[in-house]
Each structure stands twice: as structure tokens, then as C-alpha cells.
Amino acid sequence: MPLPLCMILYNVTVNIDPEIEQEWTAYMRQTHIPEVMHTGCFLESRFCRVHGEEEGGVTYATTYLAKNQDIYDIYLATHAAKLRDEFNAKWAGKFASFRTLLTVVEEFKQA
């Protein structure tokens, strides 16, 4: 029996130069995250600061929740390259990042 289509959690973790933290977080909140959400591919997003600093930077993780893999694939094919290029052009040399894709297996919520 095939598994039902499961939600996809797309996580982008970015370590940035502390000297640009204020400007970068404002950009993320006011520009980048709203642009990603405006694609219509994600149901919600969360912008988080990672505890336990690495030497030489401040780390943030942004998560985006897609309804399923097909919707995430549309995001990749249609929107991701343009948004990444804009981000890279603006912040070149001042960050390091990695992306993680997770399938939501089950959710537990407090009643």
C-alpha cells in the first residue's frame, strides 16, 4: 500500500558575519522570506536563531512547510534559482549555508 503524500519541511541554515546581523535579519524578515512565501509553494515558515554559536558567525535556520514533495519540486523548478541568485548577489562572501529536506512522518500537538 503506497504511503500518502506527506508534508515536506525545507530547512535553510545560514551562518552570517555578526557585523551584518541586523541588516541581514531585517532583509530576511522584510524581503526574502515574504518573497519565498509569495511563491504560493509553502503553507508556513519559521525564522529561528540557532543556539550555541559557532566561532566567527551567528547562525539562523529558516523552515518552510510544503504540502507535499510535488509542491516542493515546483518551487525548485520555478522559483528557487532566482531567489538564491538574488540572495547570493546581496550577501556574497558574508555567509555560509546548507539546506535540509525532511519528510514529516507524523505531527504531535498538545490538545
N, C-alpha and C. Protein backbone atom coordinates (compact mmCIF):
# COMPACT_ATOMS: atom_id res chain seq x y z
N MET A 1 0.85 -1.18 0.00
CA MET A 1 0.00 0.00 0.00
C MET A 1 0.89 1.25 0.00
N PRO A 2 0.73 2.16 -0.96
CA PRO A 2 1.61 3.34 -1.02
C PRO A 2 1.34 4.29 0.15
N LEU A 3 2.41 4.94 0.58
CA LEU A 3 2.29 5.94 1.64
C LEU A 3 1.54 7.16 1.10
N PRO A 4 0.76 7.83 1.93
CA PRO A 4 0.11 9.06 1.48
C PRO A 4 1.15 10.14 1.25
N LEU A 5 0.80 11.13 0.42
CA LEU A 5 1.71 12.24 0.22
C LEU A 5 1.92 12.93 1.55
N CYS A 6 3.16 13.14 1.93
CA CYS A 6 3.49 13.72 3.23
C CYS A 6 4.02 15.14 3.06
N MET A 7 3.82 15.93 4.08
CA MET A 7 4.34 17.29 4.06
C MET A 7 5.86 17.26 4.06
N ILE A 8 6.43 18.30 3.47
CA ILE A 8 7.87 18.43 3.35
C ILE A 8 8.31 19.67 4.13
N LEU A 9 9.31 19.51 4.98
CA LEU A 9 9.90 20.62 5.71
C LEU A 9 11.24 20.94 5.05
N TYR A 10 11.33 22.13 4.51
CA TYR A 10 12.54 22.60 3.84
C TYR A 10 13.24 23.55 4.80
N ASN A 11 14.45 23.21 5.20
CA ASN A 11 15.20 24.00 6.17
C ASN A 11 16.44 24.59 5.51
N VAL A 12 16.64 25.89 5.71
CA VAL A 12 17.84 26.57 5.22
C VAL A 12 18.55 27.14 6.44
N THR A 13 19.76 26.64 6.70
CA THR A 13 20.56 27.12 7.83
C THR A 13 21.67 28.00 7.28
N VAL A 14 21.80 29.20 7.88
CA VAL A 14 22.76 30.18 7.39
C VAL A 14 23.59 30.70 8.55
N ASN A 15 24.90 30.67 8.39
CA ASN A 15 25.82 31.28 9.34
C ASN A 15 26.29 32.59 8.71
N ILE A 16 26.08 33.69 9.43
CA ILE A 16 26.41 35.00 8.86
C ILE A 16 27.45 35.73 9.70
N ASP A 17 28.09 36.67 9.07
CA ASP A 17 29.04 37.56 9.73
C ASP A 17 28.28 38.40 10.75
N PRO A 18 28.70 38.42 12.03
CA PRO A 18 27.99 39.18 13.05
C PRO A 18 27.85 40.67 12.73
N GLU A 19 28.77 41.21 11.94
CA GLU A 19 28.72 42.63 11.60
C GLU A 19 27.50 42.99 10.74
N ILE A 20 26.92 42.02 10.06
CA ILE A 20 25.76 42.31 9.20
C ILE A 20 24.46 41.73 9.76
N GLU A 21 24.51 41.22 10.99
CA GLU A 21 23.35 40.51 11.54
C GLU A 21 22.07 41.35 11.50
N GLN A 22 22.13 42.59 11.95
CA GLN A 22 20.92 43.42 11.96
C GLN A 22 20.36 43.65 10.57
N GLU A 23 21.23 44.02 9.64
CA GLU A 23 20.79 44.28 8.26
C GLU A 23 20.26 42.99 7.62
N TRP A 24 20.96 41.89 7.85
CA TRP A 24 20.57 40.61 7.26
C TRP A 24 19.23 40.12 7.80
N THR A 25 19.03 40.19 9.12
CA THR A 25 17.76 39.74 9.69
C THR A 25 16.60 40.61 9.21
N ALA A 26 16.84 41.90 9.05
CA ALA A 26 15.79 42.78 8.51
C ALA A 26 15.46 42.37 7.08
N TYR A 27 16.47 42.08 6.28
CA TYR A 27 16.26 41.63 4.90
C TYR A 27 15.47 40.32 4.86
N MET A 28 15.85 39.40 5.73
CA MET A 28 15.14 38.12 5.76
C MET A 28 13.67 38.31 6.09
N ARG A 29 13.40 39.10 7.13
CA ARG A 29 12.02 39.32 7.59
C ARG A 29 11.19 40.13 6.60
N GLN A 30 11.78 41.14 6.03
CA GLN A 30 11.02 42.08 5.20
C GLN A 30 11.02 41.74 3.72
N THR A 31 12.02 41.01 3.26
CA THR A 31 12.16 40.77 1.82
C THR A 31 12.18 39.28 1.47
N HIS A 32 13.23 38.58 1.89
CA HIS A 32 13.45 37.22 1.39
C HIS A 32 12.35 36.23 1.79
N ILE A 33 12.05 36.13 3.07
CA ILE A 33 11.02 35.17 3.50
C ILE A 33 9.67 35.51 2.88
N PRO A 34 9.24 36.79 2.88
CA PRO A 34 7.98 37.10 2.19
C PRO A 34 7.99 36.73 0.71
N GLU A 35 9.13 36.89 0.02
CA GLU A 35 9.21 36.51 -1.40
C GLU A 35 9.06 35.00 -1.56
N VAL A 36 9.71 34.23 -0.70
CA VAL A 36 9.58 32.77 -0.77
C VAL A 36 8.12 32.37 -0.52
N MET A 37 7.51 32.96 0.49
CA MET A 37 6.11 32.64 0.81
C MET A 37 5.18 33.08 -0.32
N HIS A 38 5.50 34.16 -0.99
CA HIS A 38 4.67 34.68 -2.08
C HIS A 38 4.64 33.72 -3.28
N THR A 39 5.56 32.77 -3.36
CA THR A 39 5.53 31.80 -4.45
C THR A 39 4.28 30.92 -4.38
N GLY A 40 3.67 30.84 -3.20
CA GLY A 40 2.49 30.00 -3.02
C GLY A 40 2.82 28.53 -2.81
N CYS A 41 4.09 28.21 -2.70
CA CYS A 41 4.50 26.81 -2.57
C CYS A 41 4.56 26.33 -1.12
N PHE A 42 4.50 27.25 -0.17
CA PHE A 42 4.66 26.86 1.23
C PHE A 42 3.46 27.32 2.05
N LEU A 43 3.11 26.51 3.03
CA LEU A 43 1.98 26.79 3.91
C LEU A 43 2.36 27.74 5.04
N GLU A 44 3.59 27.61 5.52
CA GLU A 44 4.06 28.44 6.63
C GLU A 44 5.58 28.44 6.66
N SER A 45 6.13 29.38 7.43
CA SER A 45 7.57 29.42 7.61
C SER A 45 7.88 29.86 9.03
N ARG A 46 9.09 29.54 9.45
CA ARG A 46 9.58 29.97 10.77
C ARG A 46 11.02 30.44 10.60
N PHE A 47 11.33 31.55 11.24
CA PHE A 47 12.67 32.13 11.22
C PHE A 47 13.24 31.98 12.62
N CYS A 48 14.33 31.24 12.77
CA CYS A 48 14.84 30.87 14.09
C CYS A 48 16.33 31.19 14.23
N ARG A 49 16.71 31.60 15.41
CA ARG A 49 18.13 31.75 15.71
C ARG A 49 18.61 30.46 16.36
N VAL A 50 19.73 29.96 15.91
CA VAL A 50 20.29 28.71 16.42
C VAL A 50 21.12 29.02 17.67
N HIS A 51 20.87 28.27 18.73
CA HIS A 51 21.64 28.44 19.97
C HIS A 51 22.97 27.72 19.85
N GLY A 52 23.98 28.19 20.62
CA GLY A 52 25.29 27.55 20.57
C GLY A 52 26.07 28.06 19.38
N GLU A 53 26.54 29.27 19.48
CA GLU A 53 27.22 29.94 18.36
C GLU A 53 28.50 29.24 17.92
N GLU A 54 28.71 29.26 16.64
CA GLU A 54 29.96 28.81 16.05
C GLU A 54 30.94 29.98 16.12
N GLU A 55 32.22 29.67 16.12
CA GLU A 55 33.20 30.74 16.07
C GLU A 55 33.11 31.45 14.73
N GLY A 56 33.08 32.78 14.78
CA GLY A 56 33.11 33.55 13.55
C GLY A 56 31.78 33.78 12.89
N GLY A 57 30.68 33.56 13.59
CA GLY A 57 29.40 33.82 12.95
C GLY A 57 28.22 33.62 13.86
N VAL A 58 27.07 34.02 13.35
CA VAL A 58 25.79 33.87 14.02
C VAL A 58 24.95 33.00 13.10
N THR A 59 24.23 32.03 13.66
CA THR A 59 23.52 31.07 12.82
C THR A 59 22.01 31.18 13.00
N TYR A 60 21.32 31.16 11.85
CA TYR A 60 19.86 31.18 11.80
C TYR A 60 19.39 30.02 10.94
N ALA A 61 18.18 29.53 11.24
CA ALA A 61 17.55 28.50 10.42
C ALA A 61 16.17 29.00 10.04
N THR A 62 15.84 28.87 8.78
CA THR A 62 14.52 29.23 8.30
C THR A 62 13.88 27.96 7.76
N THR A 63 12.68 27.66 8.24
CA THR A 63 11.98 26.47 7.78
C THR A 63 10.73 26.87 7.00
N TYR A 64 10.45 26.11 5.97
CA TYR A 64 9.28 26.32 5.13
C TYR A 64 8.56 24.98 5.03
N LEU A 65 7.24 24.99 5.18
CA LEU A 65 6.46 23.77 5.13
C LEU A 65 5.66 23.71 3.83
N ALA A 66 5.94 22.67 3.02
CA ALA A 66 5.21 22.45 1.77
C ALA A 66 4.22 21.31 1.97
N LYS A 67 3.11 21.38 1.27
CA LYS A 67 2.04 20.37 1.41
C LYS A 67 2.54 18.97 1.02
N ASN A 68 3.42 18.90 0.02
CA ASN A 68 3.94 17.60 -0.40
C ASN A 68 5.17 17.79 -1.29
N GLN A 69 5.79 16.70 -1.67
CA GLN A 69 7.01 16.73 -2.49
C GLN A 69 6.76 17.39 -3.84
N ASP A 70 5.60 17.13 -4.45
CA ASP A 70 5.30 17.72 -5.76
C ASP A 70 5.32 19.25 -5.71
N ILE A 71 4.75 19.82 -4.64
CA ILE A 71 4.73 21.27 -4.49
C ILE A 71 6.15 21.79 -4.28
N TYR A 72 6.93 21.10 -3.46
CA TYR A 72 8.32 21.49 -3.25
C TYR A 72 9.09 21.43 -4.58
N ASP A 73 8.85 20.40 -5.37
CA ASP A 73 9.53 20.27 -6.66
C ASP A 73 9.17 21.43 -7.59
N ILE A 74 7.93 21.90 -7.53
CA ILE A 74 7.52 23.08 -8.32
C ILE A 74 8.32 24.29 -7.86
N TYR A 75 8.47 24.44 -6.55
CA TYR A 75 9.28 25.55 -6.02
C TYR A 75 10.70 25.48 -6.58
N LEU A 76 11.30 24.30 -6.52
CA LEU A 76 12.67 24.16 -7.03
C LEU A 76 12.77 24.50 -8.52
N ALA A 77 11.85 23.99 -9.30
CA ALA A 77 11.91 24.17 -10.75
C ALA A 77 11.56 25.60 -11.19
N THR A 78 10.72 26.27 -10.43
CA THR A 78 10.17 27.55 -10.88
C THR A 78 10.75 28.77 -10.18
N HIS A 79 11.08 28.65 -8.90
CA HIS A 79 11.41 29.84 -8.12
C HIS A 79 12.78 29.83 -7.45
N ALA A 80 13.27 28.68 -7.07
CA ALA A 80 14.44 28.60 -6.19
C ALA A 80 15.68 29.27 -6.76
N ALA A 81 16.01 29.04 -8.01
CA ALA A 81 17.25 29.58 -8.58
C ALA A 81 17.26 31.11 -8.54
N LYS A 82 16.17 31.73 -8.92
CA LYS A 82 16.10 33.20 -8.92
C LYS A 82 16.26 33.76 -7.51
N LEU A 83 15.56 33.17 -6.55
CA LEU A 83 15.65 33.64 -5.17
C LEU A 83 17.05 33.43 -4.59
N ARG A 84 17.66 32.29 -4.89
CA ARG A 84 19.02 32.03 -4.41
C ARG A 84 20.02 32.99 -5.05
N ASP A 85 19.87 33.24 -6.34
CA ASP A 85 20.77 34.17 -7.02
C ASP A 85 20.69 35.57 -6.42
N GLU A 86 19.48 36.04 -6.15
CA GLU A 86 19.30 37.36 -5.54
C GLU A 86 19.95 37.40 -4.15
N PHE A 87 19.73 36.36 -3.37
CA PHE A 87 20.31 36.27 -2.03
C PHE A 87 21.83 36.26 -2.11
N ASN A 88 22.38 35.41 -2.98
CA ASN A 88 23.83 35.30 -3.12
C ASN A 88 24.46 36.60 -3.59
N ALA A 89 23.82 37.30 -4.50
CA ALA A 89 24.36 38.56 -5.01
C ALA A 89 24.43 39.61 -3.89
N LYS A 90 23.44 39.64 -3.05
CA LYS A 90 23.38 40.64 -1.98
C LYS A 90 24.36 40.34 -0.85
N TRP A 91 24.54 39.07 -0.51
CA TRP A 91 25.31 38.71 0.69
C TRP A 91 26.59 37.93 0.38
N ALA A 92 27.06 37.95 -0.86
CA ALA A 92 28.25 37.18 -1.26
C ALA A 92 29.42 37.40 -0.30
N GLY A 93 30.02 36.30 0.13
CA GLY A 93 31.20 36.35 0.97
C GLY A 93 30.92 36.61 2.44
N LYS A 94 29.67 36.78 2.82
CA LYS A 94 29.35 37.10 4.21
C LYS A 94 28.51 36.03 4.89
N PHE A 95 28.39 34.87 4.25
CA PHE A 95 27.59 33.80 4.84
C PHE A 95 28.05 32.44 4.32
N ALA A 96 27.65 31.43 5.06
CA ALA A 96 27.78 30.04 4.62
C ALA A 96 26.42 29.41 4.92
N SER A 97 25.96 28.52 4.03
CA SER A 97 24.63 27.95 4.24
C SER A 97 24.58 26.49 3.81
N PHE A 98 23.56 25.81 4.32
CA PHE A 98 23.25 24.48 3.83
C PHE A 98 21.75 24.28 3.94
N ARG A 99 21.25 23.38 3.12
CA ARG A 99 19.81 23.10 3.06
C ARG A 99 19.55 21.65 3.45
N THR A 100 18.41 21.44 4.12
CA THR A 100 17.99 20.11 4.52
C THR A 100 16.54 19.94 4.13
N LEU A 101 16.20 18.79 3.59
CA LEU A 101 14.83 18.47 3.22
C LEU A 101 14.37 17.31 4.09
N LEU A 102 13.23 17.50 4.78
CA LEU A 102 12.71 16.47 5.68
C LEU A 102 11.28 16.14 5.31
N THR A 103 10.93 14.89 5.40
CA THR A 103 9.55 14.47 5.24
C THR A 103 8.91 14.38 6.61
N VAL A 104 7.80 15.06 6.79
CA VAL A 104 7.07 15.00 8.07
C VAL A 104 6.37 13.65 8.12
N VAL A 105 6.78 12.83 9.06
CA VAL A 105 6.22 11.49 9.20
C VAL A 105 4.94 11.54 10.03
N GLU A 106 5.00 12.31 11.10
CA GLU A 106 3.83 12.43 11.98
C GLU A 106 3.96 13.70 12.79
N GLU A 107 2.84 14.33 13.08
CA GLU A 107 2.81 15.53 13.92
C GLU A 107 2.18 15.21 15.26
N PHE A 108 2.69 15.81 16.31
CA PHE A 108 2.12 15.67 17.64
C PHE A 108 1.86 17.08 18.15
N LYS A 109 0.63 17.37 18.52
CA LYS A 109 0.28 18.68 19.02
C LYS A 109 -0.42 18.53 20.37
N GLN A 110 -0.15 19.47 21.23
CA GLN A 110 -0.82 19.47 22.53
C GLN A 110 -2.28 19.89 22.35
N ALA A 111 -3.16 19.17 23.00
CA ALA A 111 -4.59 19.46 22.86
C ALA A 111 -4.99 20.72 23.59
